Amino acid sequence: MHKRVFSTFFCPPLIVCRLACHTSCASPVSVIWLAAVAALILGLLGGPALHGGLGWGSLSVASALWVIAALWAWCATRSFKEDSCQL
């Protein structure tokens, strides 16, 4: 259980692909999560202007996108049953 919660927060696309068997859900979660990673990197580099410090606006957008991706992955996997996936 703790592994699922940990994976849901730190790598939402992975947990959706492995547990939810929802290919239609994995793509949007992946795109939102990758946008969060890109915004995080941009924020750490100084924001859109690259002025040298931290870009707090970009970091706040990154955290919001990351939370959205994690919540979406959690909602997609919370009703997971072992025998529901036909691989």
Protein backbone atom coordinates (compact mmCIF):
# COMPACT_ATOMS: atom_id res chain seq x y z
CA MET A 1 0.00 0.00 0.00
CA HIS A 2 2.74 2.46 0.92
CA LYS A 3 4.61 1.68 -2.30
CA ARG A 4 1.50 2.58 -4.30
CA VAL A 5 1.10 5.92 -2.49
CA PHE A 6 4.81 6.71 -2.89
CA SER A 7 4.73 5.88 -6.61
CA THR A 8 1.49 7.80 -7.11
CA PHE A 9 3.07 10.97 -5.78
CA PHE A 10 6.56 10.74 -7.30
CA CYS A 11 5.83 9.15 -10.68
CA PRO A 12 2.11 9.24 -11.51
CA PRO A 13 2.38 7.95 -15.11
CA LEU A 14 4.20 4.82 -13.99
CA ILE A 15 1.56 3.82 -11.45
CA VAL A 16 -1.29 4.49 -13.88
CA CYS A 17 0.33 2.35 -16.58
CA ARG A 18 1.10 -0.49 -14.17
CA LEU A 19 -2.02 -0.64 -12.04
CA ALA A 20 -4.95 1.09 -13.65
CA CYS A 21 -4.77 -0.48 -17.13
CA HIS A 22 -6.25 2.73 -18.48
CA THR A 23 -4.29 3.69 -21.55
CA SER A 24 -6.67 6.58 -22.12
CA CYS A 25 -5.80 7.89 -18.66
CA ALA A 26 -2.04 7.34 -18.80
CA SER A 27 -1.47 9.83 -21.62
CA PRO A 28 -3.03 12.90 -19.97
CA VAL A 29 -1.39 12.09 -16.63
CA SER A 30 1.97 11.76 -18.41
CA VAL A 31 1.57 15.06 -20.24
CA ILE A 32 0.59 16.94 -17.08
CA TRP A 33 3.43 15.35 -15.12
CA LEU A 34 6.00 16.16 -17.82
CA ALA A 35 4.75 19.76 -17.91
CA ALA A 36 5.24 19.88 -14.14
CA VAL A 37 8.81 18.57 -14.48
CA ALA A 38 9.56 21.14 -17.21
CA ALA A 39 8.08 23.97 -15.12
CA LEU A 40 10.10 22.78 -12.11
CA ILE A 41 13.33 22.87 -14.10
CA LEU A 42 12.43 26.27 -15.54
CA GLY A 43 11.60 27.59 -12.07
CA LEU A 44 14.90 26.35 -10.64
CA LEU A 45 16.75 28.08 -13.46
CA GLY A 46 15.10 31.42 -12.73
CA GLY A 47 11.76 31.42 -14.46
CA PRO A 48 10.91 32.45 -18.02
CA ALA A 49 13.32 35.40 -17.88
CA LEU A 50 16.19 33.22 -16.56
CA HIS A 51 17.19 36.03 -14.17
CA GLY A 52 19.25 33.83 -11.89
CA GLY A 53 17.22 33.25 -8.74
CA LEU A 54 14.25 31.03 -8.29
CA GLY A 55 11.23 31.58 -10.49
CA TRP A 56 8.50 31.37 -7.86
CA GLY A 57 5.70 31.65 -10.41
CA SER A 58 7.04 28.71 -12.39
CA LEU A 59 7.60 26.71 -9.21
CA SER A 60 4.02 27.30 -8.09
CA VAL A 61 2.70 26.22 -11.51
CA ALA A 62 4.93 23.13 -11.32
CA SER A 63 3.62 22.18 -7.89
CA ALA A 64 0.01 22.69 -8.96
CA LEU A 65 0.49 20.53 -12.07
CA TRP A 66 2.29 17.85 -10.05
CA VAL A 67 -0.56 17.71 -7.52
CA ILE A 68 -3.13 17.47 -10.33
CA ALA A 69 -1.22 14.57 -11.94
CA ALA A 70 -0.83 12.77 -8.61
CA LEU A 71 -4.51 13.18 -7.71
CA TRP A 72 -5.58 11.99 -11.15
CA ALA A 73 -3.33 8.92 -10.83
CA TRP A 74 -4.62 8.24 -7.32
CA CYS A 75 -8.24 8.44 -8.49
CA ALA A 76 -7.49 6.12 -11.42
CA THR A 77 -5.77 3.50 -9.25
CA ARG A 78 -7.81 3.54 -6.07
CA SER A 79 -10.36 1.06 -7.38
CA PHE A 80 -7.69 -1.26 -8.80
CA LYS A 81 -8.28 -4.99 -8.57
CA GLU A 82 -5.61 -7.56 -9.42
CA ASP A 83 -7.81 -9.58 -11.76
CA SER A 84 -9.39 -6.64 -13.60
CA CYS A 85 -6.55 -6.21 -16.11
CA GLN A 86 -6.43 -8.49 -19.12
CA LEU A 87 -2.83 -8.37 -20.37
